């Protein structure tokens, strides 16, 4: 059974940094697309970053390029999102998402709240 559990959210001042982690169980990174999404209050969920490590692919939404980095820790089986130079408009619930290459089956975590304010 696949489970995705996010952590690392919280409050941070503008310009600060946070690192989100997603513990992934029941899957292997080599056979899955891993993505981070966010959903701000009153807005639709949108893609932030994605990775397909089997092909060495890492992509970012334009508004986070140069600020965010998606990575993995094989020892901990986590997918991390390092977020730097945070802005108030980045306030949102951040979700971890996995999709199997072969079947297309998708899984979501429950999300972690990031609040950027002074």
C-alpha atoms as a PDB file:
ATOM      1  CA  UNK A   1       0.000   0.000   0.000  1.00  0.00           C
ATOM      2  CA  UNK A   2       1.374   3.368  -1.029  1.00  0.00           C
ATOM      3  CA  UNK A   3       1.518   6.090   1.587  1.00  0.00           C
ATOM      4  CA  UNK A   4       2.845   9.606   1.274  1.00  0.00           C
ATOM      5  CA  UNK A   5       3.346  11.645   4.425  1.00  0.00           C
ATOM      6  CA  UNK A   6       4.511  15.241   4.243  1.00  0.00           C
ATOM      7  CA  UNK A   7       6.247  17.208   6.948  1.00  0.00           C
ATOM      8  CA  UNK A   8       8.290  20.347   7.372  1.00  0.00           C
ATOM      9  CA  UNK A   9       5.642  22.990   6.892  1.00  0.00           C
ATOM     10  CA  UNK A  10       5.225  25.924   9.212  1.00  0.00           C
ATOM     11  CA  UNK A  11       5.549  29.657   9.469  1.00  0.00           C
ATOM     12  CA  UNK A  12       8.451  31.542   7.962  1.00  0.00           C
ATOM     13  CA  UNK A  13       9.178  35.185   7.283  1.00  0.00           C
ATOM     14  CA  UNK A  14       9.506  36.479   3.718  1.00  0.00           C
ATOM     15  CA  UNK A  15      12.940  35.689   2.374  1.00  0.00           C
ATOM     16  CA  UNK A  16      13.276  32.674   4.610  1.00  0.00           C
ATOM     17  CA  UNK A  17      13.647  28.989   3.825  1.00  0.00           C
ATOM     18  CA  UNK A  18      11.869  25.760   4.583  1.00  0.00           C
ATOM     19  CA  UNK A  19      12.501  22.174   3.643  1.00  0.00           C
ATOM     20  CA  UNK A  20       9.543  19.909   3.087  1.00  0.00           C
ATOM     21  CA  UNK A  21       9.873  16.159   3.193  1.00  0.00           C
ATOM     22  CA  UNK A  22       7.618  13.434   1.884  1.00  0.00           C
ATOM     23  CA  UNK A  23       8.111   9.964   3.280  1.00  0.00           C
ATOM     24  CA  UNK A  24       7.065   7.542   0.574  1.00  0.00           C
ATOM     25  CA  UNK A  25       6.270   3.937   1.389  1.00  0.00           C
ATOM     26  CA  UNK A  26       5.084   1.203  -0.921  1.00  0.00           C
ATOM     27  CA  UNK A  27       6.816   2.516  -4.011  1.00  0.00           C
ATOM     28  CA  UNK A  28      10.214   2.874  -5.591  1.00  0.00           C
ATOM     29  CA  UNK A  29      11.411   6.181  -6.976  1.00  0.00           C
ATOM     30  CA  UNK A  30      12.800   4.539 -10.082  1.00  0.00           C
ATOM     31  CA  UNK A  31       9.297   3.526 -11.189  1.00  0.00           C
ATOM     32  CA  UNK A  32       7.412   6.665 -10.210  1.00  0.00           C
ATOM     33  CA  UNK A  33       6.961  10.260 -11.105  1.00  0.00           C
ATOM     34  CA  UNK A  34       7.240  12.290  -7.906  1.00  0.00           C
ATOM     35  CA  UNK A  35       5.720  15.735  -7.723  1.00  0.00           C
ATOM     36  CA  UNK A  36       5.037  18.537  -5.298  1.00  0.00           C
ATOM     37  CA  UNK A  37       1.860  20.566  -5.706  1.00  0.00           C
ATOM     38  CA  UNK A  38       0.495  23.477  -3.763  1.00  0.00           C
ATOM     39  CA  UNK A  39      -2.944  24.919  -3.161  1.00  0.00           C
ATOM     40  CA  UNK A  40      -3.317  28.451  -1.909  1.00  0.00           C
ATOM     41  CA  UNK A  41      -6.506  29.598  -0.189  1.00  0.00           C
ATOM     42  CA  UNK A  42      -9.289  30.032  -2.735  1.00  0.00           C
ATOM     43  CA  UNK A  43      -7.162  28.774  -5.608  1.00  0.00           C
ATOM     44  CA  UNK A  44      -6.757  25.570  -7.556  1.00  0.00           C
ATOM     45  CA  UNK A  45      -4.025  23.089  -6.858  1.00  0.00           C
ATOM     46  CA  UNK A  46      -0.982  23.681  -9.051  1.00  0.00           C
ATOM     47  CA  UNK A  47       2.231  21.903  -9.842  1.00  0.00           C
ATOM     48  CA  UNK A  48       5.361  23.200  -8.136  1.00  0.00           C
ATOM     49  CA  UNK A  49       8.055  20.668  -9.027  1.00  0.00           C
ATOM     50  CA  UNK A  50       8.378  17.200 -10.451  1.00  0.00           C
ATOM     51  CA  UNK A  51      11.034  14.578 -10.863  1.00  0.00           C
ATOM     52  CA  UNK A  52      11.539  11.361 -12.742  1.00  0.00           C
ATOM     53  CA  UNK A  53      14.852  10.155 -11.498  1.00  0.00           C
ATOM     54  CA  UNK A  54      15.018   7.171 -13.825  1.00  0.00           C
ATOM     55  CA  UNK A  55      15.504   9.675 -16.655  1.00  0.00           C
ATOM     56  CA  UNK A  56      17.250  12.363 -14.669  1.00  0.00           C
ATOM     57  CA  UNK A  57      14.326  14.747 -15.147  1.00  0.00           C
ATOM     58  CA  UNK A  58      13.566  17.566 -12.732  1.00  0.00           C
ATOM     59  CA  UNK A  59      11.181  20.372 -13.686  1.00  0.00           C
ATOM     60  CA  UNK A  60       9.892  23.414 -11.855  1.00  0.00           C
ATOM     61  CA  UNK A  61       7.056  25.858 -12.244  1.00  0.00           C
ATOM     62  CA  UNK A  62       8.361  29.155 -13.589  1.00  0.00           C
ATOM     63  CA  UNK A  63       7.497  31.013 -10.408  1.00  0.00           C
ATOM     64  CA  UNK A  64       9.817  28.830  -8.283  1.00  0.00           C
ATOM     65  CA  UNK A  65      12.741  28.292 -10.641  1.00  0.00           C
ATOM     66  CA  UNK A  66      15.953  29.187  -8.915  1.00  0.00           C
ATOM     67  CA  UNK A  67      14.255  29.172  -5.530  1.00  0.00           C
ATOM     68  CA  UNK A  68      13.069  25.580  -5.027  1.00  0.00           C
ATOM     69  CA  UNK A  69      14.903  22.284  -5.409  1.00  0.00           C
ATOM     70  CA  UNK A  70      13.357  18.841  -5.511  1.00  0.00           C
ATOM     71  CA  UNK A  71      15.567  15.985  -4.373  1.00  0.00           C
ATOM     72  CA  UNK A  72      15.421  12.537  -2.901  1.00  0.00           C
ATOM     73  CA  UNK A  73      17.014  10.747  -0.014  1.00  0.00           C
ATOM     74  CA  UNK A  74      17.171   7.050  -0.799  1.00  0.00           C
ATOM     75  CA  UNK A  75      18.242   6.110   2.693  1.00  0.00           C
ATOM     76  CA  UNK A  76      15.169   7.747   4.197  1.00  0.00           C
ATOM     77  CA  UNK A  77      12.917   7.098   1.196  1.00  0.00           C
ATOM     78  CA  UNK A  78      11.913  10.724   1.094  1.00  0.00           C
ATOM     79  CA  UNK A  79      11.319  13.285  -1.603  1.00  0.00           C
ATOM     80  CA  UNK A  80      12.285  16.709  -0.383  1.00  0.00           C
ATOM     81  CA  UNK A  81      11.469  20.203  -1.504  1.00  0.00           C
ATOM     82  CA  UNK A  82      13.969  22.832  -0.450  1.00  0.00           C
ATOM     83  CA  UNK A  83      12.308  26.227  -0.635  1.00  0.00           C
ATOM     84  CA  UNK A  84      14.411  29.391  -0.482  1.00  0.00           C
ATOM     85  CA  UNK A  85      13.655  33.096  -0.762  1.00  0.00           C
ATOM     86  CA  UNK A  86      10.065  32.516   0.152  1.00  0.00           C
ATOM     87  CA  UNK A  87       7.389  35.080  -0.638  1.00  0.00           C
ATOM     88  CA  UNK A  88       3.997  35.656   1.014  1.00  0.00           C
ATOM     89  CA  UNK A  89       2.288  34.435  -2.162  1.00  0.00           C
ATOM     90  CA  UNK A  90       3.862  31.037  -1.584  1.00  0.00           C
ATOM     91  CA  UNK A  91       1.559  30.526   1.378  1.00  0.00           C
ATOM     92  CA  UNK A  92      -0.308  27.315   0.628  1.00  0.00           C
ATOM     93  CA  UNK A  93      -0.808  23.710   1.529  1.00  0.00           C
ATOM     94  CA  UNK A  94       1.912  21.686  -0.174  1.00  0.00           C
ATOM     95  CA  UNK A  95       1.123  18.175  -1.322  1.00  0.00           C
ATOM     96  CA  UNK A  96       3.306  15.266  -2.264  1.00  0.00           C
ATOM     97  CA  UNK A  97       2.129  13.257  -5.272  1.00  0.00           C
ATOM     98  CA  UNK A  98       3.274   9.995  -6.812  1.00  0.00           C
ATOM     99  CA  UNK A  99       2.327   8.421 -10.092  1.00  0.00           C
ATOM    100  CA  UNK A 100       3.420   5.001 -11.269  1.00  0.00           C
ATOM    101  CA  UNK A 101       4.880   4.973 -14.790  1.00  0.00           C
ATOM    102  CA  UNK A 102       3.349   1.663 -15.777  1.00  0.00           C
ATOM    103  CA  UNK A 103      -0.226   2.015 -14.562  1.00  0.00           C
ATOM    104  CA  UNK A 104      -0.620   5.761 -14.177  1.00  0.00           C
ATOM    105  CA  UNK A 105      -2.070   5.208 -10.721  1.00  0.00           C
ATOM    106  CA  UNK A 106      -1.789   8.319  -8.593  1.00  0.00           C
ATOM    107  CA  UNK A 107      -1.409   8.873  -4.882  1.00  0.00           C
ATOM    108  CA  UNK A 108      -1.586  11.982  -2.742  1.00  0.00           C
ATOM    109  CA  UNK A 109      -0.364  12.918   0.660  1.00  0.00           C
ATOM    110  CA  UNK A 110      -2.537  14.931   3.025  1.00  0.00           C
ATOM    111  CA  UNK A 111      -0.443  18.049   2.709  1.00  0.00           C
ATOM    112  CA  UNK A 112       1.574  20.342   4.924  1.00  0.00           C
ATOM    113  CA  UNK A 113       0.804  24.017   5.440  1.00  0.00           C
ATOM    114  CA  UNK A 114       3.401  26.650   4.637  1.00  0.00           C
ATOM    115  CA  UNK A 115       2.718  30.187   5.810  1.00  0.00           C
ATOM    116  CA  UNK A 116       4.966  33.017   4.671  1.00  0.00           C
ATOM    117  CA  UNK A 117       4.302  36.277   6.463  1.00  0.00           C
ATOM    118  CA  UNK A 118       5.937  38.928   8.547  1.00  0.00           C
END
